[in-house]
Protein backbone atom coordinates (compact mmCIF):
# COMPACT_ATOMS: atom_id res chain seq x y z
CA UNK A 1 98.02 80.71 131.01
CA UNK A 2 99.01 78.17 133.63
CA UNK A 3 101.74 80.46 135.04
CA UNK A 4 101.77 81.50 138.67
CA UNK A 5 104.15 82.99 141.20
CA UNK A 6 104.97 80.47 143.93
CA UNK A 7 103.43 82.63 146.66
CA UNK A 8 100.10 82.60 144.79
CA UNK A 9 99.82 78.81 145.12
CA UNK A 10 98.07 77.72 148.30
CA UNK A 11 99.10 74.06 148.26
CA UNK A 12 102.34 73.08 149.96
CA UNK A 13 102.65 69.81 148.03
CA UNK A 14 102.32 69.56 144.24
CA UNK A 15 102.55 66.58 141.91
CA UNK A 16 103.71 66.31 138.31
CA UNK A 17 105.26 63.88 135.86
CA UNK A 18 108.50 65.74 135.19
CA UNK A 19 109.75 68.79 137.05
CA UNK A 20 112.26 71.04 135.27
CA UNK A 21 114.28 73.51 137.31
CA UNK A 22 115.00 76.51 135.09
CA UNK A 23 113.01 78.33 132.38
CA UNK A 24 115.82 79.15 129.96
CA UNK A 25 116.75 77.70 126.56
CA UNK A 26 117.15 74.13 127.83
CA UNK A 27 114.22 74.06 130.24
CA UNK A 28 111.62 75.59 127.94
CA UNK A 29 112.73 73.51 124.94
CA UNK A 30 112.41 70.36 127.05
CA UNK A 31 109.02 71.39 128.46
CA UNK A 32 107.71 71.88 124.94
CA UNK A 33 109.06 68.54 123.67
CA UNK A 34 107.84 66.30 126.51
CA UNK A 35 104.36 64.73 126.63
CA UNK A 36 102.42 64.28 129.85
CA UNK A 37 102.45 66.53 132.89
CA UNK A 38 105.39 68.92 133.15
CA UNK A 39 106.10 71.59 135.76
CA UNK A 40 108.79 74.21 135.17
CA UNK A 41 110.23 76.04 138.18
CA UNK A 42 111.94 79.40 137.70
CA UNK A 43 113.66 81.47 140.39
CA UNK A 44 113.08 84.77 138.59
CA UNK A 45 109.94 86.44 137.34
CA UNK A 46 108.32 87.26 133.98
CA UNK A 47 110.79 90.10 133.42
CA UNK A 48 114.40 90.76 134.35
CA UNK A 49 114.49 92.47 137.75
CA UNK A 50 117.69 94.42 138.37
CA UNK A 51 117.32 94.03 142.13
CA UNK A 52 117.15 90.24 141.88
CA UNK A 53 120.10 90.20 139.50
CA UNK A 54 122.32 92.22 141.83
CA UNK A 55 121.45 90.20 144.93
CA UNK A 56 122.34 86.90 143.21
CA UNK A 57 125.94 87.81 142.34
CA UNK A 58 128.74 85.26 142.34
CA UNK A 59 132.15 85.52 144.00
CA UNK A 60 135.18 85.34 141.66
CA UNK A 61 138.44 83.92 142.98
CA UNK A 62 140.24 82.90 139.76
CA UNK A 63 141.04 84.73 136.53
CA UNK A 64 139.08 87.94 136.10
CA UNK A 65 135.65 87.33 134.54
CA UNK A 66 131.99 88.18 135.03
CA UNK A 67 130.13 84.89 135.55
CA UNK A 68 126.82 86.71 136.10
CA UNK A 69 126.66 88.60 132.79
CA UNK A 70 124.28 86.03 131.28
CA UNK A 71 123.20 84.37 134.53
CA UNK A 72 119.73 85.86 134.27
CA UNK A 73 117.11 85.06 136.92
CA UNK A 74 113.97 85.47 134.82
CA UNK A 75 111.73 83.47 132.50
CA UNK A 76 113.80 83.07 129.36
CA UNK A 77 117.09 82.97 131.28
CA UNK A 78 120.16 83.88 129.24
CA UNK A 79 118.07 84.11 126.06
CA UNK A 80 116.77 87.47 127.34
CA UNK A 81 120.26 88.71 126.38
CA UNK A 82 120.96 86.38 123.47
CA UNK A 83 121.94 87.71 120.04
CA UNK A 84 120.58 84.59 118.31
CA UNK A 85 124.00 83.55 116.95
CA UNK A 86 123.94 79.85 116.01
CA UNK A 87 126.55 77.35 114.87
CA UNK A 88 127.04 73.63 115.46
CA UNK A 89 129.98 72.05 117.20
CA UNK A 90 132.47 70.44 114.80
CA UNK A 91 133.14 66.71 114.46
CA UNK A 92 136.61 67.55 115.80
CA UNK A 93 135.11 68.72 119.11
CA UNK A 94 133.71 65.29 119.95
CA UNK A 95 137.00 63.47 119.35
CA UNK A 96 139.33 62.11 121.98
CA UNK A 97 142.42 64.29 121.44
CA UNK A 98 145.29 63.32 123.73
CA UNK A 99 146.84 66.80 123.59
CA UNK A 100 143.59 68.38 124.90
CA UNK A 101 143.09 67.26 128.49
CA UNK A 102 139.90 65.25 129.17
CA UNK A 103 138.71 65.70 125.57
CA UNK A 104 136.22 63.39 123.91
CA UNK A 105 132.46 63.25 124.37
CA UNK A 106 130.73 59.93 125.12
CA UNK A 107 128.51 60.70 122.12
CA UNK A 108 129.62 61.58 118.60
CA UNK A 109 128.49 64.34 116.27
CA UNK A 110 126.51 61.74 114.29
CA UNK A 111 124.39 60.90 117.34
CA UNK A 112 123.58 64.57 117.88
CA UNK A 113 122.95 65.34 114.18
CA UNK A 114 119.18 64.60 114.11
CA UNK A 115 118.72 66.70 117.23
CA UNK A 116 120.65 69.56 115.66
CA UNK A 117 118.08 69.40 112.84
CA UNK A 118 115.29 69.72 115.42
CA UNK A 119 117.13 72.57 117.13
CA UNK A 120 117.48 74.53 113.88
CA UNK A 121 113.78 74.00 113.22
CA UNK A 122 112.63 74.94 116.73
CA UNK A 123 114.69 78.12 116.51
CA UNK A 124 112.86 79.13 113.34
CA UNK A 125 115.40 78.22 110.66
CA UNK A 126 113.75 76.72 107.57
CA UNK A 127 116.31 77.23 104.79
CA UNK A 128 118.83 74.51 105.65
CA UNK A 129 119.76 73.95 102.01
CA UNK A 130 120.25 77.68 101.57
CA UNK A 131 122.60 77.78 104.54
CA UNK A 132 125.59 76.70 102.45
CA UNK A 133 127.97 79.36 101.30
CA UNK A 134 130.55 79.43 98.51
CA UNK A 135 134.08 78.86 99.68
CA UNK A 136 136.22 81.76 100.74
CA UNK A 137 139.04 82.81 98.39
CA UNK A 138 141.75 81.38 100.63
CA UNK A 139 145.37 81.89 99.71
CA UNK A 140 146.91 78.63 98.50
CA UNK A 141 149.01 76.72 100.99
CA UNK A 142 152.70 76.21 100.50
CA UNK A 143 153.67 72.97 98.74
CA UNK A 144 153.02 69.96 100.99
CA UNK A 145 151.44 72.23 103.59
CA UNK A 146 147.84 71.96 104.73
CA UNK A 147 145.77 75.17 104.98
CA UNK A 148 145.60 76.23 108.65
CA UNK A 149 142.22 77.99 108.37
CA UNK A 150 138.79 77.32 106.93
CA UNK A 151 135.64 79.36 106.52
CA UNK A 152 133.22 79.53 109.43
CA UNK A 153 129.66 80.78 109.37
CA UNK A 154 127.28 81.75 112.17
CA UNK A 155 123.54 82.07 111.51
CA UNK A 156 120.88 84.41 112.87
CA UNK A 157 117.13 84.04 112.38
CA UNK A 158 115.72 87.35 111.17
CA UNK A 159 117.28 90.49 109.79
CA UNK A 160 117.60 92.02 113.23
CA UNK A 161 117.22 91.11 116.88
CA UNK A 162 113.63 90.03 117.52
CA UNK A 163 111.49 89.12 120.48
CA UNK A 164 111.47 85.42 119.51
CA UNK A 165 115.15 85.16 120.47
CA UNK A 166 113.89 85.42 124.04
CA UNK A 167 112.53 81.94 124.83
CA UNK A 168 110.03 83.50 127.24
CA UNK A 169 108.26 84.78 124.13
CA UNK A 170 109.00 81.80 121.90
CA UNK A 171 107.46 79.24 124.27
CA UNK A 172 104.82 81.30 126.06
CA UNK A 173 101.98 79.40 124.37
CA UNK A 174 102.95 75.98 125.75
CA UNK A 175 101.67 76.98 129.21
CA UNK A 176 98.18 77.35 127.80
CA UNK A 177 97.98 73.55 127.95
CA UNK A 178 96.46 72.14 131.17
CA UNK A 179 99.34 69.64 131.42
CA UNK A 180 101.96 72.41 131.52
CA UNK A 181 102.60 74.55 134.58
CA UNK A 182 105.15 77.31 135.13
CA UNK A 183 105.89 78.35 138.71
CA UNK A 184 108.07 81.45 138.92
CA UNK A 185 109.59 83.42 141.80
CA UNK A 186 110.42 79.98 143.23
CA UNK A 187 113.97 79.14 144.25
CA UNK A 188 114.87 75.45 144.16
CA UNK A 189 116.80 74.66 147.35
CA UNK A 190 117.32 70.91 147.07
CA UNK A 191 115.76 67.49 146.62
CA UNK A 192 114.01 64.85 148.66
CA UNK A 193 115.87 61.62 147.94
CA UNK A 194 115.29 57.98 148.69
CA UNK A 195 118.22 55.73 147.90
CA UNK A 196 119.35 56.62 144.38
CA UNK A 197 116.07 58.32 143.42
CA UNK A 198 114.89 61.89 143.63
CA UNK A 199 111.25 61.89 144.67
CA UNK A 200 110.67 65.60 145.12
CA UNK A 201 112.07 69.09 144.59
CA UNK A 202 111.98 71.61 147.43
CA UNK A 203 111.25 75.20 146.48
CA UNK A 204 110.94 78.41 148.48
CA UNK A 205 108.76 81.36 147.47
CA UNK A 206 109.65 85.03 147.96
CA UNK A 207 107.99 85.01 151.40
CA UNK A 208 110.24 82.16 152.52
CA UNK A 209 107.48 79.53 152.53
CA UNK A 210 108.62 76.04 151.51
CA UNK A 211 106.80 73.78 149.06
CA UNK A 212 107.46 70.35 147.66
CA UNK A 213 106.96 69.21 144.06
CA UNK A 214 106.82 65.43 143.70
CA UNK A 215 107.77 64.00 140.30
CA UNK A 216 108.84 60.86 138.50
CA UNK A 217 111.72 62.60 136.73
CA UNK A 218 113.72 65.66 137.80
CA UNK A 219 115.73 67.77 135.35
CA UNK A 220 118.09 70.59 136.35
CA UNK A 221 118.20 73.15 133.53
CA UNK A 222 118.97 76.31 135.48
CA UNK A 223 122.02 77.50 133.53
CA UNK A 224 125.64 76.44 133.89
CA UNK A 225 126.55 77.94 137.26
CA UNK A 226 123.18 77.33 138.89
CA UNK A 227 123.15 73.71 137.68
CA UNK A 228 126.44 73.22 139.49
CA UNK A 229 125.36 75.19 142.53
CA UNK A 230 122.15 73.20 143.06
CA UNK A 231 124.03 69.90 142.90
CA UNK A 232 126.68 71.20 145.30
CA UNK A 233 123.96 72.23 147.76
CA UNK A 234 122.44 68.77 147.53
CA UNK A 235 125.85 67.12 148.01
CA UNK A 236 126.36 69.18 151.15
CA UNK A 237 122.93 68.12 152.47
CA UNK A 238 123.15 64.40 151.51
CA UNK A 239 126.80 63.53 150.76
CA UNK A 240 126.11 59.91 149.95
CA UNK A 241 123.59 60.65 147.20
CA UNK A 242 126.13 62.28 144.86
CA UNK A 243 129.20 60.44 146.15
CA UNK A 244 129.86 58.72 142.77
CA UNK A 245 130.40 62.10 141.07
CA UNK A 246 131.90 64.23 143.83
CA UNK A 247 135.38 64.05 142.26
CA UNK A 248 134.27 66.07 139.19
CA UNK A 249 131.27 67.96 140.55
CA UNK A 250 131.92 71.66 139.89
CA UNK A 251 135.26 70.97 138.17
CA UNK A 252 136.17 71.52 134.53
CA UNK A 253 134.45 74.91 134.39
CA UNK A 254 135.18 76.71 131.10
CA UNK A 255 134.19 79.50 128.84
CA UNK A 256 135.56 80.34 125.42
CA UNK A 257 138.78 82.24 125.86
CA UNK A 258 138.01 85.40 123.86
CA UNK A 259 141.17 87.25 122.84
CA UNK A 260 141.26 90.63 121.12
CA UNK A 261 143.89 91.17 118.42
CA UNK A 262 144.53 94.18 116.25
CA UNK A 263 143.64 96.74 115.16
CA UNK A 264 144.74 95.91 111.64
CA UNK A 265 146.97 98.28 109.73
CA UNK A 266 144.99 99.00 106.56
CA UNK A 267 144.47 101.40 103.72
CA UNK A 268 140.81 102.40 103.17
CA UNK A 269 140.53 100.03 100.20
CA UNK A 270 141.84 97.13 102.32
CA UNK A 271 139.46 98.04 105.15
CA UNK A 272 136.51 97.97 102.73
CA UNK A 273 137.64 94.71 101.09
CA UNK A 274 137.86 92.97 104.48
CA UNK A 275 134.30 94.03 105.32
CA UNK A 276 133.01 92.61 102.06
CA UNK A 277 134.55 89.25 102.90
CA UNK A 278 134.13 88.91 106.69
CA UNK A 279 131.03 90.53 108.05
CA UNK A 280 127.36 90.02 108.87
CA UNK A 281 125.38 89.60 105.64
CA UNK A 282 121.68 89.37 104.79
CA UNK A 283 119.92 86.55 102.93
CA UNK A 284 118.86 84.06 101.83
CA UNK A 285 115.27 84.56 102.91
CA UNK A 286 114.93 86.73 106.00
CA UNK A 287 118.05 85.41 107.71
CA UNK A 288 121.47 86.81 108.44
CA UNK A 289 124.82 85.10 108.55
CA UNK A 290 128.23 86.13 109.78
CA UNK A 291 131.32 84.96 107.97
CA UNK A 292 134.61 84.40 109.73
CA UNK A 293 137.40 81.86 110.05
CA UNK A 294 138.19 78.78 112.12
CA UNK A 295 141.15 76.45 112.51
CA UNK A 296 141.12 73.60 110.03
CA UNK A 297 140.72 70.32 112.01
CA UNK A 298 143.53 68.60 110.09
CA UNK A 299 145.88 71.46 110.91
CA UNK A 300 144.76 71.52 114.56
CA UNK A 301 145.46 67.78 114.84
CA UNK A 302 148.88 68.12 113.23
CA UNK A 303 149.86 71.03 115.47
CA UNK A 304 148.16 69.54 118.56
CA UNK A 305 145.92 72.57 119.08
CA UNK A 306 142.42 73.03 120.41
CA UNK A 307 139.63 74.49 118.28
CA UNK A 308 139.25 78.22 117.64
CA UNK A 309 137.43 80.71 115.43
CA UNK A 310 137.96 84.30 114.31
CA UNK A 311 135.43 87.08 113.77
CA UNK A 312 135.81 90.78 113.05
CA UNK A 313 134.25 93.98 114.34
CA UNK A 314 134.39 97.32 112.56
CA UNK A 315 134.30 100.86 113.86
CA UNK A 316 133.81 103.95 111.72
CA UNK A 317 136.54 106.53 111.65
CA UNK A 318 133.98 109.25 111.09
CA UNK A 319 132.05 111.30 113.58
CA UNK A 320 128.62 109.90 114.34
CA UNK A 321 127.22 113.19 113.04
CA UNK A 322 128.89 112.84 109.62
CA UNK A 323 126.44 112.99 106.67
CA UNK A 324 127.51 109.49 105.55
CA UNK A 325 125.76 108.01 108.59
CA UNK A 326 122.38 109.21 107.33
CA UNK A 327 123.17 107.84 103.86
CA UNK A 328 124.23 104.50 105.32
CA UNK A 329 121.01 104.22 107.33
CA UNK A 330 118.97 103.72 104.14
CA UNK A 331 120.62 100.44 103.04
CA UNK A 332 120.42 99.15 106.62
CA UNK A 333 116.65 99.79 106.63
CA UNK A 334 116.40 97.91 103.32
CA UNK A 335 118.28 94.95 104.76
CA UNK A 336 121.59 95.49 102.97
CA UNK A 337 124.98 95.38 104.62
CA UNK A 338 126.78 98.71 104.88
CA UNK A 339 130.49 98.86 104.13
CA UNK A 340 132.15 101.61 106.15
CA UNK A 341 134.37 103.76 103.91
CA UNK A 342 137.08 104.15 106.54
CA UNK A 343 137.69 103.20 110.13
CA UNK A 344 139.24 100.42 112.20
CA UNK A 345 138.96 96.62 112.06
CA UNK A 346 139.39 94.54 115.22
CA UNK A 347 139.95 90.80 115.29
CA UNK A 348 138.58 88.50 118.00
CA UNK A 349 139.43 84.86 118.61
CA UNK A 350 137.11 82.46 120.45
CA UNK A 351 139.33 79.66 121.71
CA UNK A 352 138.32 76.25 123.01
CA UNK A 353 139.54 75.74 126.56
CA UNK A 354 140.89 72.38 127.56
CA UNK A 355 139.25 70.82 130.60
CA UNK A 356 141.11 71.77 133.78
CA UNK A 357 140.23 70.24 137.14
CA UNK A 358 141.41 73.34 139.00
CA UNK A 359 138.98 75.52 137.05
CA UNK A 360 135.89 75.06 139.17
CA UNK A 361 132.74 76.35 140.84
CA UNK A 362 132.30 75.84 144.60
CA UNK A 363 130.04 77.22 147.33
CA UNK A 364 131.28 80.45 148.90
CA UNK A 365 131.07 81.26 152.60
CA UNK A 366 128.86 84.31 151.98
CA UNK A 367 125.11 83.86 151.73
CA UNK A 368 122.76 85.16 149.06
CA UNK A 369 118.96 85.49 149.01
CA UNK A 370 117.16 83.00 151.22
CA UNK A 371 120.35 82.23 153.11
CA UNK A 372 121.66 80.11 150.21
CA UNK A 373 125.47 80.14 149.70
CA UNK A 374 126.74 82.08 146.72
CA UNK A 375 128.71 80.48 143.90
CA UNK A 376 132.50 80.89 143.99
CA UNK A 377 133.92 80.81 140.44
CA UNK A 378 137.61 80.00 140.04
CA UNK A 379 138.27 80.21 136.30
CA UNK A 380 141.64 78.98 135.06
CA UNK A 381 143.42 79.34 131.71
CA UNK A 382 145.86 76.60 130.67
CA UNK A 383 149.07 76.63 128.63
CA UNK A 384 147.35 74.89 125.71
CA UNK A 385 144.67 77.62 125.66
CA UNK A 386 147.34 80.29 125.23
CA UNK A 387 149.12 78.28 122.54
CA UNK A 388 145.94 77.78 120.52
CA UNK A 389 145.00 81.47 120.80
CA UNK A 390 148.42 82.65 119.61
CA UNK A 391 148.42 80.15 116.74
CA UNK A 392 145.01 81.08 115.32
CA UNK A 393 145.69 84.82 115.55
CA UNK A 394 149.12 84.48 113.93
CA UNK A 395 147.80 82.30 111.08
CA UNK A 396 144.94 84.74 110.52
CA UNK A 397 147.40 87.61 110.26
CA UNK A 398 149.36 85.71 107.61
CA UNK A 399 146.19 84.93 105.63
CA UNK A 400 144.91 88.51 105.75
CA UNK A 401 148.22 89.81 104.44
CA UNK A 402 148.27 87.30 101.58
CA UNK A 403 144.71 88.25 100.55
CA UNK A 404 145.42 91.98 100.55
CA UNK A 405 143.28 92.80 103.58
CA UNK A 406 145.98 94.64 105.55
CA UNK A 407 148.61 93.74 108.10
CA UNK A 408 148.16 92.35 111.60
CA UNK A 409 151.04 92.76 114.00
CA UNK A 410 150.91 90.38 116.96
CA UNK A 411 150.57 92.54 120.08
CA UNK A 412 153.41 92.19 122.59
CA UNK A 413 150.92 91.02 125.20
CA UNK A 414 149.95 87.90 123.23
CA UNK A 415 152.32 84.94 123.06
CA UNK A 416 152.17 81.17 122.99
CA UNK A 417 152.86 81.03 126.73
CA UNK A 418 150.77 83.88 128.12
CA UNK A 419 148.25 86.59 127.27
CA UNK A 420 147.95 89.81 129.21
CA UNK A 421 144.51 90.33 130.81
CA UNK A 422 143.99 93.53 128.79
CA UNK A 423 143.58 91.38 125.66
CA UNK A 424 141.07 88.95 127.22
CA UNK A 425 137.35 89.64 127.36
CA UNK A 426 134.41 87.50 128.49
CA UNK A 427 132.73 85.35 125.86
CA UNK A 428 129.73 84.94 128.21
CA UNK A 429 129.63 81.24 127.30
CA UNK A 430 129.90 79.43 130.68
CA UNK A 431 130.40 75.69 130.19
CA UNK A 432 131.30 72.55 132.14
CA UNK A 433 131.15 71.71 135.81
CA UNK A 434 128.72 68.79 135.38
CA UNK A 435 130.49 67.39 132.32
CA UNK A 436 129.23 64.42 130.32
CA UNK A 437 131.32 61.26 130.56
CA UNK A 438 131.09 57.53 130.01
CA UNK A 439 132.30 56.84 133.55
CA UNK A 440 131.70 58.75 136.84
CA UNK A 441 135.46 58.91 137.36
CA UNK A 442 135.61 61.45 134.47
CA UNK A 443 132.42 63.46 134.86
CA UNK A 444 129.01 63.99 136.40
CA UNK A 445 126.34 62.96 133.86
CA UNK A 446 126.21 60.02 131.47
CA UNK A 447 125.57 60.06 127.72
CA UNK A 448 121.83 60.60 128.39
CA UNK A 449 122.42 63.52 130.80
CA UNK A 450 121.50 61.39 133.84
CA UNK A 451 123.64 62.05 136.90
CA UNK A 452 125.87 59.00 137.42
CA UNK A 453 124.64 56.81 140.26
CA UNK A 454 121.09 58.22 140.32
CA UNK A 455 117.92 56.78 138.81
CA UNK A 456 115.99 59.83 137.70
CA UNK A 457 118.04 63.02 138.15
CA UNK A 458 119.09 64.69 134.90
CA UNK A 459 121.06 67.83 134.00
CA UNK A 460 120.93 69.68 130.68
CA UNK A 461 122.60 72.90 129.55
CA UNK A 462 126.07 74.23 128.97
CA UNK A 463 127.31 72.63 132.19
CA UNK A 464 127.18 69.12 130.61
CA UNK A 465 129.55 69.96 127.72
CA UNK A 466 132.48 67.56 127.80
CA UNK A 467 134.52 70.14 125.87
CA UNK A 468 133.40 73.45 124.41
CA UNK A 469 134.83 73.80 120.92
CA UNK A 470 134.63 77.38 119.67
CA UNK A 471 130.88 77.41 118.91
CA UNK A 472 128.28 79.58 120.60
CA UNK A 473 126.58 77.02 122.86
CA UNK A 474 122.85 77.81 122.65
CA UNK A 475 122.13 75.74 119.53
CA UNK A 476 123.88 72.71 121.05
CA UNK A 477 122.04 73.23 124.36
CA UNK A 478 118.73 73.16 122.49
CA UNK A 479 119.82 70.02 120.58
CA UNK A 480 120.76 68.30 123.86
CA UNK A 481 117.36 69.23 125.32
CA UNK A 482 115.62 67.58 122.35
CA UNK A 483 117.80 64.50 122.79
CA UNK A 484 116.99 64.31 126.50
CA UNK A 485 113.27 64.62 125.69
CA UNK A 486 113.49 61.55 123.46
CA UNK A 487 115.30 59.65 126.20
CA UNK A 488 112.74 60.57 128.86
CA UNK A 489 109.87 59.60 126.57
CA UNK A 490 111.43 56.16 126.16
CA UNK A 491 111.98 55.57 129.88
CA UNK A 492 109.70 53.25 131.83
CA UNK A 493 107.44 55.00 134.36
CA UNK A 494 108.97 55.33 137.81
CA UNK A 495 107.82 52.58 140.19
CA UNK A 496 107.70 54.82 143.26
CA UNK A 497 105.08 57.30 144.37
CA UNK A 498 105.37 59.48 147.42
CA UNK A 499 102.86 59.98 150.18
CA UNK A 500 104.03 62.95 152.15
CA UNK A 501 102.95 63.81 155.64
CA UNK A 502 101.63 67.24 156.59
CA UNK A 503 105.10 68.83 156.51
CA UNK A 504 106.92 69.00 153.21
CA UNK A 505 110.23 68.52 155.00
CA UNK A 506 109.37 65.03 156.29
CA UNK A 507 108.26 62.86 153.39
CA UNK A 508 107.17 59.26 153.82
CA UNK A 509 107.37 56.92 150.82
CA UNK A 510 105.73 53.64 150.01
CA UNK A 511 105.55 51.36 147.02
CA UNK A 512 102.37 50.86 145.14
């Protein structure tokens, strides 16, 4: 395998065709899809190291959240903790919706559709035609009233969590190719730039020794917060280089606002009926799918709401030592869903956040490993986020009652104008901060993930989402990586090569 820790490499200057910073879902997908020479740089090691995780913490100055829960410094990145839950963004998410601030992607769902197909395939899904479910038995709408909710389905590959969900395992074989190199335990600290081009990436190994990787194309795929952080560090070092995007750099940070509602008031028969309708089910093939609800786009447009989805979690009312647990273990081993006879059902809403300039990531005054500033995360929740959350929970409560699944009373801490922190939990879906836009006045990267105003610097990952919808982001991140691969393949070779003097910090460039 062509995988080495940075301190094991004697050379101070390396050359490659494309250098990718980050070995997570985006970086490894891109490395696999690109032809030619590719070098992937990863700050972590082959396995998650608790010491490295704790020393790379972020500072939080906004709403309470844990930005580091899936900010994993290891090969595989956030996929080392990924459940494998997949769903596409909706057409509605790409639209320009005046009531959702800064909404509208510069690309449409149709442009991303073929890359979603590649993403499903690369994640191991082969039964696309079988991934269509019969409609849910929705209660009829009132006369002249559109249904507020629709069915929503999330897909998992495999009947249980498996090692292939970790991209470190899924893409390990690509580094057997001589043209592929993975350098780990190597922190990217910035770029060598000439005019509007990046001609090299500076890295530092665990011993503090600097190296330079020269490349024709540079892609930042280090995860949402680290994508932002690396660009902020570069902007501090060379303000003019990223001047066209400084207005939005780090701004528009989001996650899905996850709100807990319930528990539902149910009789045992209602509790069992709800599980049979909304749950995680097995089949077809070896797959699993989870059925839930989402706002109907027509209703969301009419009510001027964002997007949102609903899923349910169930807890047994029995002791874990009850005999029924042993009985229930048999169907689970056979791949059949177990319906708990009694217990408690909890409802969770994942709500699209509108883009807010004041929700942002900046550099904190405190320093982390290697003397690099920590990330300061100031997460904000807007009035429209609260309104959408209250609406989807209230409409779900009405639907559940009409279908005979029990009663949901809206907690006093949830309203259309505010939600108490006790009802909010992290979705662990960090998004935005280098958002995609047609114009640099509205974002950081263009429709092809190239940083506005630069020739060959690209960003891919959750940070480029223009808006977030309600969907788990990994599938879309993989689709965007495939799309970027196609774009890079079609680009003309860079006209510049670098001839660097004996020190990696003082490069000299000439045209050939």
